Amino acid sequence: MTFRNGLASLLRPEDSVLVLIDHQPFQLANLNSHDPQAVVNNTTALAKAAKAYRVPTILTTVVAERGGLLFPQITDVFPGQEVIDRTLINTWQDKKVVDAVKATGRKQLVIAGLYTEICVAMPVIQALGEGWDVTVITDACGAVSTEAHQVAIQRMIAAGANMMTWLALVSEWQRDHARTEHTAEFVDILKHHAAGSGIAFLWEQQLLNTPVPANAA
């Protein structure tokens, strides 16, 4: 087994491409591994982070006419962008999607979708077999049961995939607090989608901006 380690294995925004798969109403209706609201929140945060760090993002659905359109929270981040609709369950067998990914020239493939055990596992395992460096954002995914989600993750790890959560990914893309070009966007994402972390940051800013009383000892 080849271990994924070392500085070069960390994700970089300039080398990443994100694929969001089947975040649709039909899939959400039988999502039982996670709180559906959390999955929508996390996927929206992931989409906003990709946009903030200039990471090309491919949006795709399966039979949207019957399964529903992609969550508006996602498409609102990328207004006017084409959503590639498929009939194939395995996204990586859809030439249009694969061609769109390859056209970016990026080598670090980041994937999230519904369901983990089907529409995420299949493309991840195929792409790994074709030599791609694949990362799955587990908390922007979900399955029909907790067992299904966990088994899918185990299966993908065994195939060589890297597992992360959305906040870990954004932190890895940011990497250095001295890198200020995305700070405002990073903070805005934290504020709206990272619950305690975002609120704690706002509190810290409040304290820093509170004048010390003139008669303080």
N, C-alpha and C. Protein backbone atom coordinates (compact mmCIF):
# COMPACT_ATOMS: atom_id res chain seq x y z
N MET A 1 0.85 -1.20 0.00
CA MET A 1 0.00 0.00 0.00
C MET A 1 0.88 1.25 0.00
N THR A 2 0.57 2.24 -0.83
CA THR A 2 1.28 3.51 -0.86
C THR A 2 0.60 4.48 0.09
N PHE A 3 1.35 4.96 1.08
CA PHE A 3 0.78 5.88 2.04
C PHE A 3 0.75 7.29 1.47
N ARG A 4 -0.31 8.00 1.81
CA ARG A 4 -0.47 9.38 1.35
C ARG A 4 0.04 10.28 2.46
N ASN A 5 1.29 10.70 2.37
CA ASN A 5 1.83 11.56 3.41
C ASN A 5 2.89 12.49 2.82
N GLY A 6 3.42 13.37 3.66
CA GLY A 6 4.38 14.35 3.19
C GLY A 6 3.69 15.64 2.80
N LEU A 7 4.46 16.72 2.75
CA LEU A 7 3.91 18.04 2.45
C LEU A 7 3.20 18.09 1.11
N ALA A 8 3.75 17.41 0.12
CA ALA A 8 3.17 17.45 -1.23
C ALA A 8 1.80 16.79 -1.29
N SER A 9 1.47 15.98 -0.30
CA SER A 9 0.17 15.30 -0.31
C SER A 9 -0.95 16.20 0.20
N LEU A 10 -0.62 17.32 0.86
CA LEU A 10 -1.66 18.23 1.33
C LEU A 10 -2.31 18.93 0.14
N LEU A 11 -3.58 19.27 0.28
CA LEU A 11 -4.32 19.85 -0.84
C LEU A 11 -3.99 21.32 -1.03
N ARG A 12 -3.89 21.71 -2.28
CA ARG A 12 -3.57 23.09 -2.66
C ARG A 12 -4.68 23.60 -3.57
N PRO A 13 -5.15 24.82 -3.36
CA PRO A 13 -6.25 25.32 -4.20
C PRO A 13 -5.89 25.39 -5.67
N GLU A 14 -4.64 25.69 -5.98
CA GLU A 14 -4.23 25.80 -7.38
C GLU A 14 -4.15 24.46 -8.09
N ASP A 15 -4.20 23.36 -7.33
CA ASP A 15 -4.16 22.02 -7.93
C ASP A 15 -5.47 21.26 -7.77
N SER A 16 -6.45 21.85 -7.10
CA SER A 16 -7.69 21.15 -6.77
C SER A 16 -8.79 21.43 -7.79
N VAL A 17 -9.65 20.44 -7.97
CA VAL A 17 -10.89 20.59 -8.73
C VAL A 17 -11.99 19.88 -7.93
N LEU A 18 -13.12 20.54 -7.75
CA LEU A 18 -14.21 20.01 -6.94
C LEU A 18 -15.34 19.51 -7.83
N VAL A 19 -15.87 18.32 -7.50
CA VAL A 19 -17.05 17.78 -8.18
C VAL A 19 -18.13 17.56 -7.12
N LEU A 20 -19.27 18.22 -7.28
CA LEU A 20 -20.41 18.05 -6.39
C LEU A 20 -21.46 17.22 -7.11
N ILE A 21 -21.83 16.09 -6.50
CA ILE A 21 -22.63 15.08 -7.18
C ILE A 21 -23.99 14.87 -6.50
N ASP A 22 -25.05 15.11 -7.23
CA ASP A 22 -26.40 14.69 -6.88
C ASP A 22 -26.92 15.21 -5.53
N HIS A 23 -26.62 16.45 -5.20
CA HIS A 23 -27.23 17.07 -4.02
C HIS A 23 -28.63 17.54 -4.44
N GLN A 24 -29.57 16.59 -4.47
CA GLN A 24 -30.92 16.79 -5.01
C GLN A 24 -31.99 16.38 -4.01
N PRO A 25 -33.22 16.89 -4.15
CA PRO A 25 -34.29 16.57 -3.21
C PRO A 25 -34.57 15.08 -3.06
N PHE A 26 -34.56 14.34 -4.18
CA PHE A 26 -34.85 12.91 -4.09
C PHE A 26 -33.85 12.21 -3.18
N GLN A 27 -32.58 12.57 -3.30
CA GLN A 27 -31.54 11.95 -2.48
C GLN A 27 -31.71 12.34 -1.01
N LEU A 28 -32.05 13.59 -0.79
CA LEU A 28 -32.19 14.08 0.58
C LEU A 28 -33.34 13.38 1.31
N ALA A 29 -34.34 12.94 0.56
CA ALA A 29 -35.54 12.35 1.17
C ALA A 29 -35.24 11.08 1.94
N ASN A 30 -34.19 10.36 1.56
CA ASN A 30 -33.86 9.11 2.28
C ASN A 30 -32.46 9.20 2.88
N LEU A 31 -32.04 10.39 3.26
CA LEU A 31 -30.75 10.59 3.90
C LEU A 31 -30.91 10.34 5.39
N ASN A 32 -30.25 9.31 5.90
CA ASN A 32 -30.41 8.93 7.30
C ASN A 32 -29.10 8.85 8.08
N SER A 33 -27.98 9.07 7.42
CA SER A 33 -26.70 9.00 8.12
C SER A 33 -26.34 10.31 8.80
N HIS A 34 -26.92 11.42 8.34
CA HIS A 34 -26.61 12.75 8.85
C HIS A 34 -27.90 13.55 8.98
N ASP A 35 -27.83 14.62 9.73
CA ASP A 35 -28.91 15.61 9.74
C ASP A 35 -28.94 16.26 8.36
N PRO A 36 -30.04 16.16 7.62
CA PRO A 36 -30.10 16.76 6.28
C PRO A 36 -29.72 18.23 6.26
N GLN A 37 -30.14 18.98 7.27
CA GLN A 37 -29.81 20.40 7.32
C GLN A 37 -28.29 20.60 7.39
N ALA A 38 -27.61 19.72 8.13
CA ALA A 38 -26.15 19.82 8.24
C ALA A 38 -25.48 19.54 6.91
N VAL A 39 -25.99 18.58 6.17
CA VAL A 39 -25.40 18.27 4.86
C VAL A 39 -25.56 19.45 3.91
N VAL A 40 -26.74 20.08 3.90
CA VAL A 40 -26.95 21.25 3.05
C VAL A 40 -26.00 22.36 3.47
N ASN A 41 -25.89 22.60 4.77
CA ASN A 41 -24.99 23.63 5.28
C ASN A 41 -23.54 23.35 4.87
N ASN A 42 -23.10 22.13 5.08
CA ASN A 42 -21.69 21.79 4.82
C ASN A 42 -21.37 21.84 3.34
N THR A 43 -22.31 21.41 2.52
CA THR A 43 -22.09 21.44 1.07
C THR A 43 -22.05 22.88 0.57
N THR A 44 -22.90 23.72 1.13
CA THR A 44 -22.89 25.13 0.75
C THR A 44 -21.58 25.78 1.15
N ALA A 45 -21.10 25.47 2.34
CA ALA A 45 -19.80 25.99 2.79
C ALA A 45 -18.68 25.53 1.87
N LEU A 46 -18.74 24.27 1.48
CA LEU A 46 -17.73 23.72 0.57
C LEU A 46 -17.76 24.44 -0.77
N ALA A 47 -18.94 24.66 -1.30
CA ALA A 47 -19.08 25.37 -2.58
C ALA A 47 -18.54 26.80 -2.47
N LYS A 48 -18.88 27.49 -1.39
CA LYS A 48 -18.39 28.86 -1.19
C LYS A 48 -16.87 28.90 -1.06
N ALA A 49 -16.32 27.89 -0.38
CA ALA A 49 -14.87 27.83 -0.22
C ALA A 49 -14.18 27.62 -1.56
N ALA A 50 -14.74 26.75 -2.37
CA ALA A 50 -14.16 26.51 -3.70
C ALA A 50 -14.17 27.80 -4.52
N LYS A 51 -15.27 28.52 -4.45
CA LYS A 51 -15.33 29.78 -5.19
C LYS A 51 -14.33 30.79 -4.65
N ALA A 52 -14.23 30.87 -3.32
CA ALA A 52 -13.32 31.83 -2.70
C ALA A 52 -11.87 31.56 -3.07
N TYR A 53 -11.50 30.29 -3.13
CA TYR A 53 -10.10 29.92 -3.41
C TYR A 53 -9.86 29.62 -4.88
N ARG A 54 -10.82 30.01 -5.72
CA ARG A 54 -10.70 29.89 -7.18
C ARG A 54 -10.49 28.44 -7.62
N VAL A 55 -11.17 27.53 -6.96
CA VAL A 55 -11.10 26.11 -7.32
C VAL A 55 -12.22 25.80 -8.30
N PRO A 56 -11.92 25.35 -9.52
CA PRO A 56 -12.97 25.01 -10.48
C PRO A 56 -13.92 23.97 -9.88
N THR A 57 -15.22 24.19 -10.09
CA THR A 57 -16.23 23.31 -9.50
C THR A 57 -17.17 22.80 -10.58
N ILE A 58 -17.30 21.48 -10.63
CA ILE A 58 -18.19 20.82 -11.58
C ILE A 58 -19.46 20.43 -10.83
N LEU A 59 -20.61 20.84 -11.33
CA LEU A 59 -21.89 20.51 -10.71
C LEU A 59 -22.61 19.48 -11.57
N THR A 60 -23.12 18.43 -10.91
CA THR A 60 -23.79 17.39 -11.70
C THR A 60 -24.96 16.78 -10.92
N THR A 61 -25.99 16.42 -11.67
CA THR A 61 -27.18 15.77 -11.12
C THR A 61 -27.44 14.48 -11.89
N VAL A 62 -28.33 13.66 -11.34
CA VAL A 62 -28.75 12.46 -12.05
C VAL A 62 -30.26 12.54 -12.29
N VAL A 63 -30.66 12.47 -13.54
CA VAL A 63 -32.08 12.52 -13.95
C VAL A 63 -32.83 13.60 -13.17
N ALA A 64 -32.40 14.83 -13.33
CA ALA A 64 -32.97 15.94 -12.56
C ALA A 64 -34.46 16.14 -12.80
N GLU A 65 -34.93 15.74 -13.96
CA GLU A 65 -36.36 15.89 -14.28
C GLU A 65 -37.23 15.18 -13.26
N ARG A 66 -36.73 14.05 -12.74
CA ARG A 66 -37.49 13.29 -11.75
C ARG A 66 -36.90 13.42 -10.35
N GLY A 67 -35.60 13.58 -10.26
CA GLY A 67 -34.94 13.61 -8.95
C GLY A 67 -34.83 14.99 -8.34
N GLY A 68 -35.14 16.01 -9.13
CA GLY A 68 -35.08 17.37 -8.61
C GLY A 68 -33.81 18.10 -8.97
N LEU A 69 -33.89 19.41 -8.94
CA LEU A 69 -32.75 20.25 -9.26
C LEU A 69 -31.75 20.28 -8.11
N LEU A 70 -30.52 20.61 -8.42
CA LEU A 70 -29.50 20.78 -7.40
C LEU A 70 -29.97 21.79 -6.36
N PHE A 71 -29.60 21.59 -5.09
CA PHE A 71 -30.01 22.52 -4.04
C PHE A 71 -29.71 23.95 -4.45
N PRO A 72 -30.66 24.86 -4.30
CA PRO A 72 -30.41 26.25 -4.70
C PRO A 72 -29.28 26.89 -3.91
N GLN A 73 -29.03 26.40 -2.70
CA GLN A 73 -27.92 26.96 -1.91
C GLN A 73 -26.59 26.77 -2.63
N ILE A 74 -26.51 25.72 -3.46
CA ILE A 74 -25.28 25.46 -4.22
C ILE A 74 -25.28 26.27 -5.51
N THR A 75 -26.36 26.20 -6.27
CA THR A 75 -26.38 26.91 -7.55
C THR A 75 -26.32 28.42 -7.36
N ASP A 76 -26.78 28.92 -6.21
CA ASP A 76 -26.68 30.35 -5.93
C ASP A 76 -25.22 30.80 -5.84
N VAL A 77 -24.34 29.88 -5.47
CA VAL A 77 -22.91 30.20 -5.37
C VAL A 77 -22.30 30.34 -6.76
N PHE A 78 -22.87 29.61 -7.72
CA PHE A 78 -22.35 29.59 -9.09
C PHE A 78 -23.48 29.97 -10.07
N PRO A 79 -23.97 31.19 -9.99
CA PRO A 79 -25.11 31.58 -10.83
C PRO A 79 -24.79 31.45 -12.32
N GLY A 80 -25.71 30.82 -13.04
CA GLY A 80 -25.54 30.70 -14.48
C GLY A 80 -24.66 29.55 -14.93
N GLN A 81 -24.03 28.86 -13.99
CA GLN A 81 -23.16 27.75 -14.38
C GLN A 81 -23.99 26.53 -14.79
N GLU A 82 -23.57 25.86 -15.85
CA GLU A 82 -24.26 24.65 -16.30
C GLU A 82 -24.15 23.55 -15.26
N VAL A 83 -25.26 22.89 -15.00
CA VAL A 83 -25.27 21.68 -14.17
C VAL A 83 -25.37 20.50 -15.12
N ILE A 84 -24.41 19.63 -15.10
CA ILE A 84 -24.39 18.49 -16.01
C ILE A 84 -25.33 17.41 -15.50
N ASP A 85 -26.37 17.13 -16.26
CA ASP A 85 -27.34 16.12 -15.85
C ASP A 85 -26.99 14.79 -16.53
N ARG A 86 -27.05 13.71 -15.76
CA ARG A 86 -26.63 12.40 -16.24
C ARG A 86 -27.76 11.39 -16.15
N THR A 87 -27.57 10.30 -16.86
CA THR A 87 -28.39 9.10 -16.62
C THR A 87 -27.55 8.04 -15.92
N LEU A 88 -26.24 8.10 -16.12
CA LEU A 88 -25.34 7.14 -15.48
C LEU A 88 -25.28 7.39 -13.98
N ILE A 89 -25.39 6.33 -13.20
CA ILE A 89 -25.27 6.46 -11.75
C ILE A 89 -23.84 6.82 -11.37
N ASN A 90 -22.88 6.21 -12.05
CA ASN A 90 -21.47 6.47 -11.81
C ASN A 90 -21.03 7.70 -12.60
N THR A 91 -20.82 8.80 -11.90
CA THR A 91 -20.45 10.07 -12.54
C THR A 91 -19.20 9.93 -13.40
N TRP A 92 -18.26 9.10 -12.99
CA TRP A 92 -16.99 9.00 -13.70
C TRP A 92 -17.11 8.21 -15.00
N GLN A 93 -18.29 7.68 -15.27
CA GLN A 93 -18.54 7.05 -16.57
C GLN A 93 -19.19 8.03 -17.54
N ASP A 94 -19.50 9.23 -17.05
CA ASP A 94 -20.10 10.25 -17.90
C ASP A 94 -18.99 11.07 -18.53
N LYS A 95 -18.84 10.98 -19.83
CA LYS A 95 -17.73 11.63 -20.53
C LYS A 95 -17.73 13.14 -20.36
N LYS A 96 -18.92 13.73 -20.33
CA LYS A 96 -19.00 15.18 -20.22
C LYS A 96 -18.42 15.66 -18.90
N VAL A 97 -18.72 14.93 -17.83
CA VAL A 97 -18.17 15.30 -16.52
C VAL A 97 -16.66 15.13 -16.49
N VAL A 98 -16.20 13.98 -16.95
CA VAL A 98 -14.76 13.69 -16.93
C VAL A 98 -14.00 14.69 -17.80
N ASP A 99 -14.55 15.00 -18.96
CA ASP A 99 -13.89 15.97 -19.83
C ASP A 99 -13.81 17.35 -19.17
N ALA A 100 -14.86 17.72 -18.44
CA ALA A 100 -14.86 19.01 -17.75
C ALA A 100 -13.80 19.04 -16.66
N VAL A 101 -13.63 17.93 -15.96
CA VAL A 101 -12.59 17.85 -14.93
C VAL A 101 -11.21 17.93 -15.57
N LYS A 102 -11.00 17.15 -16.61
CA LYS A 102 -9.69 17.13 -17.27
C LYS A 102 -9.33 18.49 -17.87
N ALA A 103 -10.33 19.21 -18.33
CA ALA A 103 -10.10 20.52 -18.96
C ALA A 103 -9.52 21.53 -17.98
N THR A 104 -9.70 21.31 -16.68
CA THR A 104 -9.15 22.23 -15.68
C THR A 104 -7.65 22.08 -15.54
N GLY A 105 -7.12 20.92 -15.92
CA GLY A 105 -5.69 20.67 -15.77
C GLY A 105 -5.28 20.36 -14.34
N ARG A 106 -6.25 20.27 -13.42
CA ARG A 106 -5.95 20.02 -12.01
C ARG A 106 -5.80 18.52 -11.77
N LYS A 107 -5.01 18.15 -10.74
CA LYS A 107 -4.74 16.74 -10.46
C LYS A 107 -5.30 16.26 -9.13
N GLN A 108 -5.68 17.20 -8.25
CA GLN A 108 -6.23 16.81 -6.96
C GLN A 108 -7.76 16.90 -7.05
N LEU A 109 -8.38 15.73 -7.14
CA LEU A 109 -9.82 15.63 -7.35
C LEU A 109 -10.53 15.55 -6.01
N VAL A 110 -11.41 16.52 -5.75
CA VAL A 110 -12.17 16.58 -4.50
C VAL A 110 -13.63 16.30 -4.82
N ILE A 111 -14.24 15.36 -4.10
CA ILE A 111 -15.60 14.91 -4.41
C ILE A 111 -16.48 14.92 -3.16
N ALA A 112 -17.73 15.32 -3.35
CA ALA A 112 -18.77 15.17 -2.32
C ALA A 112 -20.08 14.91 -3.04
N GLY A 113 -20.97 14.16 -2.38
CA GLY A 113 -22.25 13.89 -3.04
C GLY A 113 -23.17 13.01 -2.22
N LEU A 114 -24.31 12.74 -2.80
CA LEU A 114 -25.32 11.86 -2.23
C LEU A 114 -25.65 10.76 -3.25
N TYR A 115 -25.63 9.53 -2.87
CA TYR A 115 -25.31 8.97 -1.57
C TYR A 115 -23.85 8.52 -1.52
N THR A 116 -23.30 8.50 -0.32
CA THR A 116 -21.90 8.12 -0.16
C THR A 116 -21.61 6.75 -0.73
N GLU A 117 -22.50 5.80 -0.47
CA GLU A 117 -22.23 4.41 -0.81
C GLU A 117 -22.46 4.10 -2.29
N ILE A 118 -23.07 5.03 -3.03
CA ILE A 118 -23.38 4.76 -4.44
C ILE A 118 -22.74 5.81 -5.33
N CYS A 119 -23.29 7.01 -5.32
CA CYS A 119 -22.88 8.05 -6.27
C CYS A 119 -21.56 8.70 -5.92
N VAL A 120 -21.05 8.46 -4.73
CA VAL A 120 -19.71 8.92 -4.37
C VAL A 120 -18.71 7.78 -4.53
N ALA A 121 -19.02 6.62 -3.97
CA ALA A 121 -18.06 5.51 -3.98
C ALA A 121 -17.68 5.07 -5.39
N MET A 122 -18.65 4.99 -6.28
CA MET A 122 -18.35 4.48 -7.62
C MET A 122 -17.36 5.37 -8.38
N PRO A 123 -17.61 6.68 -8.50
CA PRO A 123 -16.63 7.50 -9.22
C PRO A 123 -15.29 7.59 -8.50
N VAL A 124 -15.30 7.60 -7.19
CA VAL A 124 -14.05 7.67 -6.44
C VAL A 124 -13.18 6.45 -6.73
N ILE A 125 -13.76 5.28 -6.66
CA ILE A 125 -13.00 4.05 -6.88
C ILE A 125 -12.50 3.96 -8.32
N GLN A 126 -13.33 4.37 -9.28
CA GLN A 126 -12.89 4.34 -10.68
C GLN A 126 -11.77 5.35 -10.91
N ALA A 127 -11.93 6.58 -10.41
CA ALA A 127 -10.91 7.61 -10.62
C ALA A 127 -9.58 7.23 -9.97
N LEU A 128 -9.65 6.61 -8.80
CA LEU A 128 -8.42 6.13 -8.16
C LEU A 128 -7.71 5.12 -9.04
N GLY A 129 -8.48 4.24 -9.64
CA GLY A 129 -7.90 3.23 -10.52
C GLY A 129 -7.26 3.82 -11.76
N GLU A 130 -7.65 5.04 -12.11
CA GLU A 130 -7.10 5.72 -13.27
C GLU A 130 -5.96 6.67 -12.90
N GLY A 131 -5.56 6.63 -11.62
CA GLY A 131 -4.40 7.39 -11.20
C GLY A 131 -4.65 8.75 -10.61
N TRP A 132 -5.91 9.11 -10.36
CA TRP A 132 -6.21 10.41 -9.78
C TRP A 132 -5.94 10.40 -8.27
N ASP A 133 -5.57 11.57 -7.76
CA ASP A 133 -5.44 11.80 -6.33
C ASP A 133 -6.82 12.26 -5.87
N VAL A 134 -7.53 11.43 -5.10
CA VAL A 134 -8.94 11.69 -4.79
C VAL A 134 -9.16 11.91 -3.29
N THR A 135 -9.87 12.99 -2.98
CA THR A 135 -10.27 13.30 -1.61
C THR A 135 -11.78 13.38 -1.55
N VAL A 136 -12.36 12.76 -0.53
CA VAL A 136 -13.81 12.79 -0.30
C VAL A 136 -14.09 13.68 0.91
N ILE A 137 -15.03 14.62 0.75
CA ILE A 137 -15.43 15.49 1.87
C ILE A 137 -16.63 14.84 2.53
N THR A 138 -16.36 14.10 3.59
CA THR A 138 -17.35 13.19 4.16
C THR A 138 -18.58 13.88 4.75
N ASP A 139 -18.42 15.09 5.30
CA ASP A 139 -19.58 15.73 5.92
C ASP A 139 -20.40 16.55 4.93
N ALA A 140 -20.00 16.52 3.65
CA ALA A 140 -20.85 17.07 2.59
C ALA A 140 -21.44 15.92 1.77
N CYS A 141 -21.36 14.73 2.35
CA CYS A 141 -21.94 13.51 1.77
C CYS A 141 -22.98 12.98 2.74
N GLY A 142 -23.66 11.92 2.36
CA GLY A 142 -24.60 11.27 3.25
C GLY A 142 -25.14 10.02 2.59
N ALA A 143 -25.69 9.13 3.41
CA ALA A 143 -26.11 7.82 2.92
C ALA A 143 -27.48 7.46 3.49
N VAL A 144 -27.99 6.32 3.06
CA VAL A 144 -29.32 5.90 3.52
C VAL A 144 -29.29 5.40 4.95
N SER A 145 -28.09 5.13 5.49
CA SER A 145 -27.93 4.74 6.89
C SER A 145 -26.52 5.08 7.34
N THR A 146 -26.33 5.13 8.64
CA THR A 146 -24.98 5.37 9.17
C THR A 146 -24.05 4.25 8.75
N GLU A 147 -24.55 3.01 8.78
CA GLU A 147 -23.73 1.87 8.35
C GLU A 147 -23.30 2.03 6.90
N ALA A 148 -24.23 2.41 6.03
CA ALA A 148 -23.91 2.56 4.61
C ALA A 148 -22.83 3.61 4.40
N HIS A 149 -22.91 4.73 5.13
CA HIS A 149 -21.92 5.80 5.02
C HIS A 149 -20.55 5.30 5.49
N GLN A 150 -20.52 4.63 6.64
CA GLN A 150 -19.25 4.18 7.21
C GLN A 150 -18.59 3.10 6.37
N VAL A 151 -19.40 2.17 5.88
CA VAL A 151 -18.85 1.10 5.04
C VAL A 151 -18.30 1.67 3.74
N ALA A 152 -19.01 2.64 3.18
CA ALA A 152 -18.54 3.29 1.94
C ALA A 152 -17.20 3.98 2.17
N ILE A 153 -17.06 4.66 3.29
CA ILE A 153 -15.80 5.32 3.61
C ILE A 153 -14.67 4.30 3.74
N GLN A 154 -14.95 3.21 4.44
CA GLN A 154 -13.94 2.15 4.58
C GLN A 154 -13.54 1.59 3.22
N ARG A 155 -14.52 1.40 2.38
CA ARG A 155 -14.26 0.85 1.04
C ARG A 155 -13.38 1.81 0.23
N MET A 156 -13.68 3.10 0.30
CA MET A 156 -12.90 4.08 -0.47
C MET A 156 -11.49 4.25 0.09
N ILE A 157 -11.35 4.20 1.41
CA ILE A 157 -10.01 4.27 2.01
C ILE A 157 -9.18 3.08 1.55
N ALA A 158 -9.80 1.90 1.54
CA ALA A 158 -9.09 0.70 1.09
C ALA A 158 -8.64 0.82 -0.36
N ALA A 159 -9.39 1.59 -1.14
CA ALA A 159 -9.03 1.80 -2.55
C ALA A 159 -7.98 2.89 -2.73
N GLY A 160 -7.70 3.66 -1.63
CA GLY A 160 -6.65 4.67 -1.70
C GLY A 160 -7.12 6.11 -1.60
N ALA A 161 -8.40 6.32 -1.27
CA ALA A 161 -8.93 7.69 -1.18
C ALA A 161 -8.55 8.36 0.13
N ASN A 162 -8.50 9.68 0.08
CA ASN A 162 -8.23 10.52 1.25
C ASN A 162 -9.56 11.05 1.77
N MET A 163 -9.74 11.06 3.09
CA MET A 163 -11.00 11.53 3.69
C MET A 163 -10.77 12.82 4.48
N MET A 164 -11.65 13.80 4.29
CA MET A 164 -11.58 15.06 5.02
C MET A 164 -12.98 15.58 5.27
N THR A 165 -13.08 16.59 6.14
CA THR A 165 -14.31 17.33 6.33
C THR A 165 -14.13 18.71 5.68
N TRP A 166 -15.23 19.43 5.50
CA TRP A 166 -15.13 20.68 4.73
C TRP A 166 -14.25 21.72 5.41
N LEU A 167 -14.32 21.82 6.74
CA LEU A 167 -13.52 22.82 7.43
C LEU A 167 -12.03 22.47 7.38
N ALA A 168 -11.72 21.19 7.46
CA ALA A 168 -10.33 20.75 7.32
C ALA A 168 -9.80 21.10 5.93
N LEU A 169 -10.63 20.90 4.93
CA LEU A 169 -10.22 21.21 3.56
C LEU A 169 -9.94 22.70 3.39
N VAL A 170 -10.85 23.55 3.87
CA VAL A 170 -10.66 24.99 3.73
C VAL A 170 -9.40 25.43 4.45
N SER A 171 -9.15 24.86 5.61
CA SER A 171 -7.94 25.20 6.37
C SER A 171 -6.68 24.78 5.62
N GLU A 172 -6.77 23.65 4.94
CA GLU A 172 -5.62 23.18 4.15
C GLU A 172 -5.40 24.05 2.92
N TRP A 173 -6.47 24.50 2.31
CA TRP A 173 -6.34 25.43 1.18
C TRP A 173 -5.76 26.76 1.66
N GLN A 174 -6.17 27.24 2.83
CA GLN A 174 -5.67 28.50 3.38
C GLN A 174 -4.19 28.35 3.77
N ARG A 175 -3.90 27.34 4.55
CA ARG A 175 -2.56 26.90 4.95
C ARG A 175 -1.79 27.88 5.82
N ASP A 176 -1.81 29.15 5.51
CA ASP A 176 -0.96 30.12 6.20
C ASP A 176 -1.80 31.36 6.56
N HIS A 177 -1.80 31.72 7.85
CA HIS A 177 -2.58 32.89 8.28
C HIS A 177 -2.00 34.19 7.72
N ALA A 178 -0.75 34.13 7.27
CA ALA A 178 -0.16 35.33 6.66
C ALA A 178 -0.65 35.53 5.23
N ARG A 179 -1.33 34.54 4.69
CA ARG A 179 -1.87 34.64 3.34
C ARG A 179 -3.23 35.34 3.44
N THR A 180 -3.24 36.61 3.12
CA THR A 180 -4.41 37.43 3.44
C THR A 180 -5.39 37.63 2.29
N GLU A 181 -5.05 37.16 1.07
CA GLU A 181 -5.92 37.48 -0.06
C GLU A 181 -7.31 36.86 0.03
N HIS A 182 -7.46 35.78 0.84
CA HIS A 182 -8.77 35.15 0.97
C HIS A 182 -9.34 35.27 2.39
N THR A 183 -8.70 36.07 3.24
CA THR A 183 -9.09 36.13 4.65
C THR A 183 -10.55 36.54 4.83
N ALA A 184 -10.99 37.57 4.12
CA ALA A 184 -12.36 38.05 4.30
C ALA A 184 -13.37 36.98 3.90
N GLU A 185 -13.11 36.28 2.79
CA GLU A 185 -14.01 35.22 2.35
C GLU A 185 -13.99 34.05 3.32
N PHE A 186 -12.80 33.69 3.81
CA PHE A 186 -12.65 32.60 4.76
C PHE A 186 -13.45 32.89 6.03
N VAL A 187 -13.32 34.11 6.54
CA VAL A 187 -14.03 34.50 7.76
C VAL A 187 -15.54 34.50 7.53
N ASP A 188 -15.98 34.98 6.37
CA ASP A 188 -17.41 35.01 6.08
C ASP A 188 -18.00 33.59 6.04
N ILE A 189 -17.25 32.65 5.47
CA ILE A 189 -17.70 31.25 5.44
C ILE A 189 -17.79 30.70 6.86
N LEU A 190 -16.77 30.97 7.68
CA LEU A 190 -16.80 30.52 9.07
C LEU A 190 -18.01 31.10 9.79
N LYS A 191 -18.25 32.36 9.61
CA LYS A 191 -19.33 33.07 10.30
C LYS A 191 -20.69 32.47 10.01
N HIS A 192 -20.90 32.08 8.74
CA HIS A 192 -22.21 31.60 8.34
C HIS A 192 -22.39 30.08 8.39
N HIS A 193 -21.28 29.34 8.42
CA HIS A 193 -21.42 27.89 8.28
C HIS A 193 -20.66 27.06 9.31
N ALA A 194 -19.80 27.68 10.12
CA ALA A 194 -18.99 26.88 11.05
C ALA A 194 -19.45 26.98 12.50
N ALA A 195 -20.67 27.40 12.69
CA ALA A 195 -21.30 27.41 14.02
C ALA A 195 -20.38 28.00 15.09
N GLY A 196 -19.99 27.19 16.08
CA GLY A 196 -19.21 27.69 17.21
C GLY A 196 -17.93 28.40 16.81
N SER A 197 -17.22 27.86 15.83
CA SER A 197 -15.95 28.48 15.41
C SER A 197 -16.19 29.88 14.87
N GLY A 198 -17.23 30.03 14.05
CA GLY A 198 -17.53 31.34 13.49
C GLY A 198 -17.97 32.33 14.55
N ILE A 199 -18.83 31.88 15.46
CA ILE A 199 -19.31 32.77 16.51
C ILE A 199 -18.18 33.16 17.46
N ALA A 200 -17.30 32.20 17.76
CA ALA A 200 -16.16 32.48 18.63
C ALA A 200 -15.25 33.53 17.99
N PHE A 201 -15.09 33.46 16.68
CA PHE A 201 -14.27 34.45 15.99
C PHE A 201 -14.89 35.84 16.11
N LEU A 202 -16.20 35.92 15.91
CA LEU A 202 -16.89 37.21 16.03
C LEU A 202 -16.76 37.77 17.45
N TRP A 203 -16.84 36.88 18.44
CA TRP A 203 -16.70 37.29 19.85
C TRP A 203 -15.29 37.84 20.09
N GLU A 204 -14.30 37.12 19.54
CA GLU A 204 -12.92 37.57 19.69
C GLU A 204 -12.73 38.97 19.10
N GLN A 205 -13.34 39.18 17.92
CA GLN A 205 -13.25 40.50 17.28
C GLN A 205 -13.92 41.57 18.14
N GLN A 206 -15.05 41.19 18.75
CA GLN A 206 -15.75 42.13 19.63
C GLN A 206 -14.87 42.52 20.80
N LEU A 207 -14.21 41.54 21.42
CA LEU A 207 -13.36 41.81 22.57
C LEU A 207 -12.17 42.68 22.19
N LEU A 208 -11.59 42.38 21.03
CA LEU A 208 -10.43 43.15 20.57
C LEU A 208 -10.80 44.60 20.28
N ASN A 209 -12.05 44.81 19.89
CA ASN A 209 -12.50 46.16 19.52
C ASN A 209 -13.16 46.91 20.67
N THR A 210 -13.18 46.26 21.86
CA THR A 210 -13.78 46.91 23.03
C THR A 210 -12.74 47.75 23.76
N PRO A 211 -12.92 49.05 23.85
CA PRO A 211 -11.93 49.90 24.52
C PRO A 211 -11.77 49.54 26.00
N VAL A 212 -10.54 49.63 26.47
CA VAL A 212 -10.28 49.39 27.89
C VAL A 212 -10.72 50.64 28.66
N PRO A 213 -11.51 50.47 29.74
CA PRO A 213 -11.95 51.64 30.52
C PRO A 213 -10.75 52.47 31.01
N ALA A 214 -10.91 53.78 30.98
CA ALA A 214 -9.81 54.69 31.33
C ALA A 214 -9.35 54.49 32.76
N ASN A 215 -10.25 54.08 33.67
CA ASN A 215 -9.88 53.92 35.09
C ASN A 215 -9.47 52.50 35.43
N ALA A 216 -9.23 51.67 34.38
CA ALA A 216 -8.85 50.28 34.64
C ALA A 216 -7.48 50.26 35.30
N ALA A 217 -7.31 49.29 36.22
CA ALA A 217 -6.02 49.21 36.93
C ALA A 217 -4.91 48.76 35.98
